[in-house]
N, C-alpha and C. Protein backbone atom coordinates (compact mmCIF):
# COMPACT_ATOMS: atom_id res chain seq x y z
N MET A 1 144.99 133.37 88.71
CA MET A 1 143.71 132.69 88.71
C MET A 1 143.35 132.41 90.18
N LYS A 2 142.40 133.21 90.67
CA LYS A 2 141.95 133.03 92.06
C LYS A 2 140.45 132.88 92.19
N LYS A 3 139.71 133.52 91.29
CA LYS A 3 138.26 133.47 91.28
C LYS A 3 137.80 133.11 89.88
N VAL A 4 137.33 131.86 89.73
CA VAL A 4 137.06 131.31 88.40
C VAL A 4 135.59 130.96 88.28
N ALA A 5 134.93 131.50 87.27
CA ALA A 5 133.54 131.17 86.95
C ALA A 5 133.54 130.24 85.73
N VAL A 6 132.98 129.04 85.92
CA VAL A 6 132.85 128.07 84.84
C VAL A 6 131.37 128.04 84.46
N PHE A 7 131.07 128.29 83.18
CA PHE A 7 129.68 128.41 82.76
C PHE A 7 129.47 127.92 81.35
N GLY A 8 128.20 127.69 81.01
CA GLY A 8 127.81 127.21 79.70
C GLY A 8 126.44 126.56 79.79
N ASN A 9 125.98 126.01 78.71
CA ASN A 9 124.66 125.40 78.63
C ASN A 9 124.61 124.10 79.45
N ALA A 10 123.42 123.57 79.64
CA ALA A 10 123.25 122.30 80.33
C ALA A 10 124.05 121.19 79.63
N GLY A 11 124.62 120.31 80.42
CA GLY A 11 125.34 119.18 79.84
C GLY A 11 126.68 119.52 79.24
N ALA A 12 127.22 120.69 79.52
CA ALA A 12 128.49 121.10 78.92
C ALA A 12 129.70 120.46 79.57
N GLY A 13 129.50 119.89 80.75
CA GLY A 13 130.64 119.35 81.49
C GLY A 13 131.22 120.34 82.48
N LYS A 14 130.41 121.33 82.88
CA LYS A 14 130.90 122.37 83.79
C LYS A 14 131.37 121.80 85.11
N SER A 15 130.59 120.93 85.71
CA SER A 15 130.95 120.38 87.02
C SER A 15 132.19 119.51 86.95
N THR A 16 132.30 118.72 85.91
CA THR A 16 133.47 117.87 85.74
C THR A 16 134.72 118.71 85.54
N LEU A 17 134.64 119.71 84.66
CA LEU A 17 135.79 120.57 84.41
C LEU A 17 136.14 121.36 85.68
N ALA A 18 135.14 121.87 86.37
CA ALA A 18 135.40 122.68 87.57
C ALA A 18 136.09 121.84 88.64
N LYS A 19 135.67 120.60 88.80
CA LYS A 19 136.32 119.72 89.78
C LYS A 19 137.78 119.50 89.42
N GLN A 20 138.06 119.25 88.16
CA GLN A 20 139.46 119.04 87.73
C GLN A 20 140.26 120.32 87.86
N LEU A 21 139.66 121.44 87.55
CA LEU A 21 140.32 122.75 87.68
C LEU A 21 140.66 123.03 89.14
N ALA A 22 139.70 122.78 90.04
CA ALA A 22 139.95 123.01 91.46
C ALA A 22 141.06 122.10 91.97
N SER A 23 141.03 120.85 91.53
CA SER A 23 142.07 119.91 91.94
C SER A 23 143.46 120.35 91.45
N ALA A 24 143.53 120.78 90.21
CA ALA A 24 144.82 121.18 89.63
C ALA A 24 145.37 122.47 90.23
N THR A 25 144.49 123.38 90.64
CA THR A 25 144.94 124.69 91.15
C THR A 25 144.94 124.78 92.66
N GLY A 26 144.24 123.89 93.33
CA GLY A 26 144.11 123.97 94.79
C GLY A 26 143.06 124.98 95.23
N LEU A 27 142.31 125.53 94.28
CA LEU A 27 141.24 126.49 94.63
C LEU A 27 140.02 125.73 95.17
N PRO A 28 139.29 126.32 96.11
CA PRO A 28 138.08 125.66 96.62
C PRO A 28 136.98 125.64 95.57
N LEU A 29 136.26 124.55 95.53
CA LEU A 29 135.20 124.34 94.54
C LEU A 29 133.83 124.59 95.15
N CYS A 30 133.01 125.31 94.41
CA CYS A 30 131.60 125.53 94.77
C CYS A 30 130.73 125.15 93.60
N SER A 31 129.92 124.13 93.77
CA SER A 31 128.96 123.72 92.75
C SER A 31 127.62 124.37 93.07
N LEU A 32 127.12 125.19 92.17
CA LEU A 32 125.86 125.89 92.44
C LEU A 32 124.68 124.95 92.60
N ASP A 33 124.70 123.80 91.94
CA ASP A 33 123.60 122.85 92.12
C ASP A 33 123.48 122.44 93.59
N LYS A 34 124.62 122.33 94.27
CA LYS A 34 124.60 121.95 95.68
C LYS A 34 124.15 123.10 96.57
N LEU A 35 124.28 124.35 96.09
CA LEU A 35 123.75 125.49 96.84
C LEU A 35 122.26 125.68 96.57
N GLN A 36 121.81 125.36 95.36
CA GLN A 36 120.43 125.58 94.96
C GLN A 36 119.47 124.48 95.38
N PHE A 37 120.01 123.28 95.59
CA PHE A 37 119.16 122.12 95.88
C PHE A 37 119.67 121.38 97.10
N ARG A 38 118.75 120.90 97.89
CA ARG A 38 119.08 120.09 99.06
C ARG A 38 119.26 118.63 98.65
N VAL A 39 119.78 117.82 99.56
CA VAL A 39 119.82 116.38 99.32
C VAL A 39 118.41 115.95 98.96
N GLY A 40 118.29 115.18 97.90
CA GLY A 40 116.99 114.74 97.42
C GLY A 40 116.40 115.61 96.33
N GLY A 41 117.01 116.77 96.07
CA GLY A 41 116.61 117.61 94.96
C GLY A 41 115.64 118.73 95.27
N ALA A 42 115.19 118.88 96.52
CA ALA A 42 114.27 119.97 96.86
C ALA A 42 115.00 121.31 96.72
N PRO A 43 114.35 122.30 96.12
CA PRO A 43 115.03 123.60 95.94
C PRO A 43 115.20 124.35 97.26
N VAL A 44 116.30 125.05 97.35
CA VAL A 44 116.56 125.96 98.47
C VAL A 44 115.81 127.26 98.15
N PRO A 45 115.21 127.91 99.14
CA PRO A 45 114.55 129.21 98.86
C PRO A 45 115.55 130.18 98.20
N GLN A 46 115.05 130.96 97.24
CA GLN A 46 115.91 131.84 96.44
C GLN A 46 116.72 132.80 97.30
N GLU A 47 116.11 133.36 98.34
CA GLU A 47 116.82 134.31 99.21
C GLU A 47 118.00 133.62 99.90
N GLU A 48 117.77 132.39 100.34
CA GLU A 48 118.84 131.61 101.00
C GLU A 48 119.95 131.31 100.02
N PHE A 49 119.58 130.90 98.81
CA PHE A 49 120.59 130.62 97.77
C PHE A 49 121.42 131.87 97.47
N LEU A 50 120.75 133.00 97.26
CA LEU A 50 121.49 134.23 96.92
C LEU A 50 122.42 134.66 98.05
N ALA A 51 122.00 134.47 99.30
CA ALA A 51 122.87 134.81 100.44
C ALA A 51 124.10 133.89 100.45
N GLN A 52 123.90 132.61 100.22
CA GLN A 52 125.02 131.67 100.18
C GLN A 52 125.95 131.99 99.01
N HIS A 53 125.36 132.31 97.87
CA HIS A 53 126.15 132.66 96.68
C HIS A 53 127.00 133.90 96.95
N GLN A 54 126.39 134.90 97.57
CA GLN A 54 127.10 136.14 97.90
C GLN A 54 128.26 135.85 98.87
N ALA A 55 128.03 134.97 99.83
CA ALA A 55 129.08 134.61 100.80
C ALA A 55 130.27 133.96 100.07
N VAL A 56 129.99 133.11 99.09
CA VAL A 56 131.07 132.49 98.33
C VAL A 56 131.82 133.55 97.54
N LEU A 57 131.10 134.47 96.91
CA LEU A 57 131.76 135.52 96.12
C LEU A 57 132.69 136.38 96.97
N GLN A 58 132.40 136.51 98.24
CA GLN A 58 133.22 137.34 99.14
C GLN A 58 134.54 136.67 99.52
N GLN A 59 134.64 135.37 99.28
CA GLN A 59 135.88 134.65 99.61
C GLN A 59 137.00 135.07 98.67
N ASP A 60 138.22 134.86 99.11
CA ASP A 60 139.40 135.27 98.33
C ASP A 60 139.65 134.38 97.11
N GLN A 61 139.21 133.13 97.19
CA GLN A 61 139.49 132.19 96.11
C GLN A 61 138.30 131.26 95.93
N TRP A 62 138.01 130.89 94.68
CA TRP A 62 136.97 129.93 94.39
C TRP A 62 136.97 129.55 92.92
N VAL A 63 136.41 128.36 92.69
CA VAL A 63 135.98 127.93 91.36
C VAL A 63 134.49 127.66 91.53
N ILE A 64 133.66 128.31 90.75
CA ILE A 64 132.21 128.13 90.84
C ILE A 64 131.72 127.65 89.47
N ASP A 65 130.95 126.56 89.51
CA ASP A 65 130.35 126.09 88.26
C ASP A 65 128.83 126.13 88.37
N GLY A 66 128.20 126.41 87.25
CA GLY A 66 126.74 126.39 87.21
C GLY A 66 126.16 127.72 86.77
N PHE A 67 124.84 127.83 86.92
CA PHE A 67 124.12 129.02 86.47
C PHE A 67 123.56 129.80 87.66
N GLY A 68 122.52 129.30 88.30
CA GLY A 68 121.98 129.96 89.48
C GLY A 68 121.09 131.17 89.21
N GLY A 69 120.76 131.39 87.96
CA GLY A 69 119.92 132.53 87.60
C GLY A 69 120.76 133.67 87.03
N VAL A 70 120.10 134.53 86.26
CA VAL A 70 120.80 135.61 85.57
C VAL A 70 121.48 136.56 86.55
N GLU A 71 120.77 136.98 87.58
CA GLU A 71 121.34 137.93 88.54
C GLU A 71 122.60 137.37 89.19
N ALA A 72 122.53 136.15 89.69
CA ALA A 72 123.69 135.53 90.34
C ALA A 72 124.83 135.33 89.34
N ALA A 73 124.50 134.90 88.13
CA ALA A 73 125.54 134.64 87.13
C ALA A 73 126.32 135.91 86.82
N TRP A 74 125.62 137.01 86.58
CA TRP A 74 126.33 138.24 86.21
C TRP A 74 127.09 138.82 87.41
N GLN A 75 126.61 138.62 88.63
CA GLN A 75 127.39 139.00 89.81
C GLN A 75 128.70 138.20 89.86
N ARG A 76 128.58 136.91 89.60
CA ARG A 76 129.74 136.03 89.61
C ARG A 76 130.74 136.40 88.52
N PHE A 77 130.25 136.70 87.33
CA PHE A 77 131.14 137.07 86.24
C PHE A 77 131.89 138.35 86.58
N ALA A 78 131.21 139.29 87.21
CA ALA A 78 131.85 140.56 87.60
C ALA A 78 132.93 140.32 88.67
N ALA A 79 132.67 139.40 89.60
CA ALA A 79 133.61 139.15 90.69
C ALA A 79 134.79 138.27 90.26
N ALA A 80 134.63 137.48 89.22
CA ALA A 80 135.67 136.55 88.79
C ALA A 80 136.85 137.28 88.14
N ASP A 81 138.04 136.70 88.29
CA ASP A 81 139.18 137.19 87.53
C ASP A 81 139.42 136.32 86.30
N THR A 82 138.76 135.14 86.28
CA THR A 82 138.92 134.20 85.17
C THR A 82 137.55 133.65 84.79
N LEU A 83 137.25 133.67 83.50
CA LEU A 83 136.00 133.11 82.98
C LEU A 83 136.33 131.92 82.09
N VAL A 84 135.65 130.81 82.33
CA VAL A 84 135.82 129.61 81.51
C VAL A 84 134.44 129.29 80.94
N TYR A 85 134.27 129.58 79.66
CA TYR A 85 132.99 129.40 78.98
C TYR A 85 133.04 128.17 78.10
N LEU A 86 132.17 127.18 78.40
CA LEU A 86 132.06 125.98 77.61
C LEU A 86 130.94 126.17 76.59
N ASP A 87 131.33 126.38 75.36
CA ASP A 87 130.41 126.77 74.28
C ASP A 87 130.45 125.69 73.19
N LEU A 88 129.80 124.58 73.47
CA LEU A 88 129.81 123.45 72.55
C LEU A 88 128.58 123.50 71.64
N PRO A 89 128.60 122.75 70.54
CA PRO A 89 127.42 122.69 69.69
C PRO A 89 126.23 122.14 70.47
N LEU A 90 125.05 122.61 70.12
CA LEU A 90 123.82 122.23 70.83
C LEU A 90 123.64 120.71 70.86
N TRP A 91 123.93 120.02 69.76
CA TRP A 91 123.78 118.57 69.72
C TRP A 91 124.67 117.90 70.76
N ARG A 92 125.87 118.44 71.00
CA ARG A 92 126.78 117.84 71.97
C ARG A 92 126.23 118.01 73.38
N HIS A 93 125.67 119.20 73.67
CA HIS A 93 125.05 119.40 74.98
C HIS A 93 123.94 118.37 75.21
N ALA A 94 123.10 118.15 74.18
CA ALA A 94 122.00 117.19 74.31
C ALA A 94 122.53 115.79 74.51
N TRP A 95 123.58 115.43 73.78
CA TRP A 95 124.18 114.10 73.93
C TRP A 95 124.74 113.92 75.32
N TRP A 96 125.44 114.93 75.85
CA TRP A 96 126.05 114.81 77.17
C TRP A 96 124.99 114.80 78.28
N VAL A 97 123.85 115.48 78.07
CA VAL A 97 122.74 115.37 79.03
C VAL A 97 122.23 113.94 79.03
N THR A 98 122.09 113.33 77.86
CA THR A 98 121.64 111.94 77.75
C THR A 98 122.64 111.00 78.42
N LYS A 99 123.91 111.22 78.16
CA LYS A 99 124.97 110.41 78.76
C LYS A 99 124.94 110.52 80.29
N ARG A 100 124.73 111.74 80.78
CA ARG A 100 124.64 111.96 82.23
C ARG A 100 123.44 111.21 82.81
N LEU A 101 122.33 111.18 82.07
CA LEU A 101 121.14 110.44 82.52
C LEU A 101 121.47 108.97 82.71
N VAL A 102 122.08 108.36 81.71
CA VAL A 102 122.39 106.93 81.78
C VAL A 102 123.35 106.66 82.93
N LYS A 103 124.42 107.42 83.02
CA LYS A 103 125.37 107.22 84.12
C LYS A 103 124.72 107.53 85.47
N GLY A 104 123.83 108.53 85.48
CA GLY A 104 123.18 108.96 86.71
C GLY A 104 122.24 107.91 87.29
N LEU A 105 121.86 106.93 86.51
CA LEU A 105 121.03 105.85 87.04
C LEU A 105 121.83 104.98 88.02
N PHE A 106 123.16 105.09 87.95
CA PHE A 106 124.04 104.27 88.78
C PHE A 106 124.84 105.07 89.80
N VAL A 107 125.15 106.32 89.47
CA VAL A 107 125.98 107.15 90.37
C VAL A 107 125.53 108.60 90.25
N THR A 108 125.55 109.33 91.36
CA THR A 108 125.13 110.74 91.35
C THR A 108 126.04 111.54 90.40
N PRO A 109 125.45 112.30 89.48
CA PRO A 109 126.28 113.11 88.57
C PRO A 109 127.16 114.11 89.32
N GLU A 110 128.29 114.40 88.72
CA GLU A 110 129.24 115.35 89.28
C GLU A 110 128.56 116.66 89.64
N GLY A 111 128.78 117.13 90.85
CA GLY A 111 128.25 118.43 91.28
C GLY A 111 126.80 118.43 91.73
N TRP A 112 126.11 117.30 91.66
CA TRP A 112 124.69 117.24 92.04
C TRP A 112 124.56 116.83 93.50
N PRO A 113 123.54 117.34 94.17
CA PRO A 113 123.28 116.86 95.53
C PRO A 113 122.90 115.38 95.52
N GLU A 114 123.26 114.69 96.58
CA GLU A 114 122.91 113.27 96.70
C GLU A 114 121.40 113.07 96.57
N LYS A 115 121.04 111.94 96.01
CA LYS A 115 119.64 111.51 95.88
C LYS A 115 118.78 112.49 95.07
N SER A 116 119.41 113.22 94.15
CA SER A 116 118.65 114.10 93.25
C SER A 116 117.85 113.24 92.28
N PRO A 117 116.65 113.67 91.92
CA PRO A 117 115.83 112.90 90.99
C PRO A 117 116.38 113.01 89.57
N ILE A 118 117.07 111.99 89.11
CA ILE A 118 117.77 112.03 87.83
C ILE A 118 116.83 112.24 86.64
N LEU A 119 115.66 111.59 86.65
CA LEU A 119 114.75 111.73 85.52
C LEU A 119 114.17 113.14 85.44
N LYS A 120 113.71 113.65 86.55
CA LYS A 120 113.15 115.02 86.57
C LYS A 120 114.23 116.04 86.23
N SER A 121 115.43 115.88 86.78
CA SER A 121 116.52 116.80 86.51
C SER A 121 116.94 116.76 85.05
N THR A 122 116.95 115.57 84.49
CA THR A 122 117.32 115.43 83.07
C THR A 122 116.26 116.08 82.19
N TRP A 123 114.99 115.87 82.50
CA TRP A 123 113.92 116.50 81.73
C TRP A 123 114.08 118.02 81.78
N ASN A 124 114.38 118.56 82.95
CA ASN A 124 114.60 120.01 83.08
C ASN A 124 115.80 120.45 82.24
N SER A 125 116.85 119.65 82.21
CA SER A 125 118.01 119.98 81.39
C SER A 125 117.65 120.04 79.92
N TYR A 126 116.86 119.07 79.46
CA TYR A 126 116.43 119.09 78.05
C TYR A 126 115.62 120.34 77.75
N LYS A 127 114.74 120.74 78.68
CA LYS A 127 113.94 121.95 78.46
C LYS A 127 114.81 123.20 78.41
N VAL A 128 115.87 123.22 79.19
CA VAL A 128 116.74 124.38 79.29
C VAL A 128 117.66 124.52 78.07
N LEU A 129 118.01 123.40 77.45
CA LEU A 129 118.98 123.43 76.36
C LEU A 129 118.68 124.48 75.30
N TRP A 130 117.48 124.42 74.72
CA TRP A 130 117.14 125.35 73.65
C TRP A 130 117.01 126.77 74.16
N LEU A 131 116.38 126.94 75.34
CA LEU A 131 116.22 128.29 75.90
C LEU A 131 117.58 128.95 76.15
N CYS A 132 118.49 128.21 76.72
CA CYS A 132 119.83 128.74 76.96
C CYS A 132 120.52 129.05 75.64
N HIS A 133 120.43 128.12 74.70
CA HIS A 133 121.07 128.33 73.39
C HIS A 133 120.55 129.59 72.72
N ARG A 134 119.25 129.78 72.79
CA ARG A 134 118.62 130.93 72.12
C ARG A 134 118.88 132.24 72.88
N ASN A 135 118.78 132.22 74.20
CA ASN A 135 118.81 133.46 74.96
C ASN A 135 120.15 133.77 75.62
N LEU A 136 120.77 132.78 76.24
CA LEU A 136 121.99 133.04 76.99
C LEU A 136 123.26 132.92 76.16
N THR A 137 123.30 131.99 75.21
CA THR A 137 124.51 131.81 74.43
C THR A 137 124.96 133.10 73.77
N PRO A 138 124.08 133.86 73.12
CA PRO A 138 124.56 135.13 72.54
C PRO A 138 125.08 136.12 73.62
N ALA A 139 124.42 136.13 74.77
CA ALA A 139 124.86 137.01 75.86
C ALA A 139 126.21 136.55 76.41
N TYR A 140 126.39 135.25 76.56
CA TYR A 140 127.67 134.72 77.03
C TYR A 140 128.79 135.04 76.05
N ARG A 141 128.52 134.87 74.76
CA ARG A 141 129.55 135.15 73.75
C ARG A 141 129.94 136.63 73.77
N LYS A 142 128.95 137.49 73.94
CA LYS A 142 129.23 138.93 74.03
C LYS A 142 130.04 139.22 75.29
N LEU A 143 129.67 138.61 76.40
CA LEU A 143 130.38 138.80 77.66
C LEU A 143 131.86 138.43 77.53
N VAL A 144 132.15 137.25 76.97
CA VAL A 144 133.54 136.85 76.89
C VAL A 144 134.35 137.75 75.96
N GLN A 145 133.71 138.27 74.91
CA GLN A 145 134.41 139.22 74.03
C GLN A 145 134.74 140.52 74.78
N GLU A 146 133.75 141.02 75.52
CA GLU A 146 133.93 142.28 76.25
C GLU A 146 134.94 142.14 77.39
N GLN A 147 135.01 140.97 78.02
CA GLN A 147 135.84 140.80 79.21
C GLN A 147 137.29 140.43 78.90
N ARG A 148 137.60 140.14 77.66
CA ARG A 148 138.97 139.74 77.30
C ARG A 148 140.01 140.79 77.69
N ALA A 149 139.63 142.06 77.69
CA ALA A 149 140.57 143.13 78.02
C ALA A 149 140.89 143.22 79.51
N THR A 150 139.99 142.74 80.36
CA THR A 150 140.16 142.94 81.80
C THR A 150 140.27 141.64 82.61
N LYS A 151 139.97 140.50 82.00
CA LYS A 151 139.99 139.22 82.71
C LYS A 151 140.68 138.17 81.85
N THR A 152 141.07 137.10 82.49
CA THR A 152 141.54 135.94 81.74
C THR A 152 140.30 135.19 81.29
N VAL A 153 140.20 134.95 79.99
CA VAL A 153 139.00 134.32 79.42
C VAL A 153 139.40 133.11 78.59
N TYR A 154 138.71 132.00 78.86
CA TYR A 154 138.86 130.78 78.09
C TYR A 154 137.50 130.49 77.46
N HIS A 155 137.45 130.53 76.14
CA HIS A 155 136.22 130.24 75.39
C HIS A 155 136.45 128.91 74.70
N LEU A 156 135.99 127.84 75.33
CA LEU A 156 136.27 126.48 74.85
C LEU A 156 135.09 125.96 74.04
N THR A 157 135.37 125.56 72.80
CA THR A 157 134.29 125.22 71.86
C THR A 157 134.29 123.76 71.40
N SER A 158 135.15 122.93 71.98
CA SER A 158 135.17 121.52 71.59
C SER A 158 135.76 120.70 72.74
N PRO A 159 135.45 119.41 72.74
CA PRO A 159 136.07 118.55 73.75
C PRO A 159 137.60 118.58 73.68
N ALA A 160 138.16 118.70 72.49
CA ALA A 160 139.62 118.76 72.35
C ALA A 160 140.18 120.01 73.04
N GLU A 161 139.50 121.15 72.89
CA GLU A 161 139.95 122.37 73.57
C GLU A 161 139.84 122.24 75.08
N ILE A 162 138.80 121.56 75.55
CA ILE A 162 138.64 121.34 76.99
C ILE A 162 139.78 120.48 77.51
N ARG A 163 140.11 119.41 76.82
CA ARG A 163 141.22 118.53 77.21
C ARG A 163 142.55 119.30 77.23
N GLN A 164 142.77 120.11 76.20
CA GLN A 164 144.01 120.90 76.12
C GLN A 164 144.08 121.90 77.28
N PHE A 165 142.98 122.56 77.58
CA PHE A 165 142.93 123.48 78.71
C PHE A 165 143.32 122.78 80.01
N LEU A 166 142.77 121.60 80.24
CA LEU A 166 143.07 120.85 81.47
C LEU A 166 144.53 120.38 81.49
N ARG A 167 145.07 119.99 80.33
CA ARG A 167 146.48 119.58 80.27
C ARG A 167 147.39 120.75 80.65
N GLN A 168 147.06 121.93 80.20
CA GLN A 168 147.88 123.11 80.49
C GLN A 168 147.93 123.44 81.99
N LEU A 169 146.91 123.02 82.73
CA LEU A 169 146.87 123.29 84.17
C LEU A 169 147.80 122.39 84.96
N ARG A 170 148.11 121.24 84.41
CA ARG A 170 148.92 120.28 85.15
C ARG A 170 150.39 120.60 85.12
């Protein structure tokens, strides 16, 4: 495990899991939200983001969490030796987005740039939930099935599986 892509729908706990994974393995952590957005939540120009993303992919080791767009995601999946897909029920994603909103009123959510606008970001997460579920979830599920022969793949479908995965790393 040297290049790990952590992915899934909004509110899946990608940033939290990626941070724990990086800590347990000693791999460097890259949160895509911090590459895509500046302090305060302003977006980074797409060309700049893609260049930074490509530079991270060229490194020997990494844990990357987030989406970053279809092109960047599939580049990352191809470069990774390990895929960790958080595939929870849609209601759980919505609940965890809500939970992140409440906690985010007091502390910056895991993996987010400082001073990000929590209400606007949460609204965007709610809008993305259904679109991702409808469009990306089937593609992600197909990807993990296809990649099982050539990569280490973890398809985690419940909080209990996520906890067990993290326990195995320790």
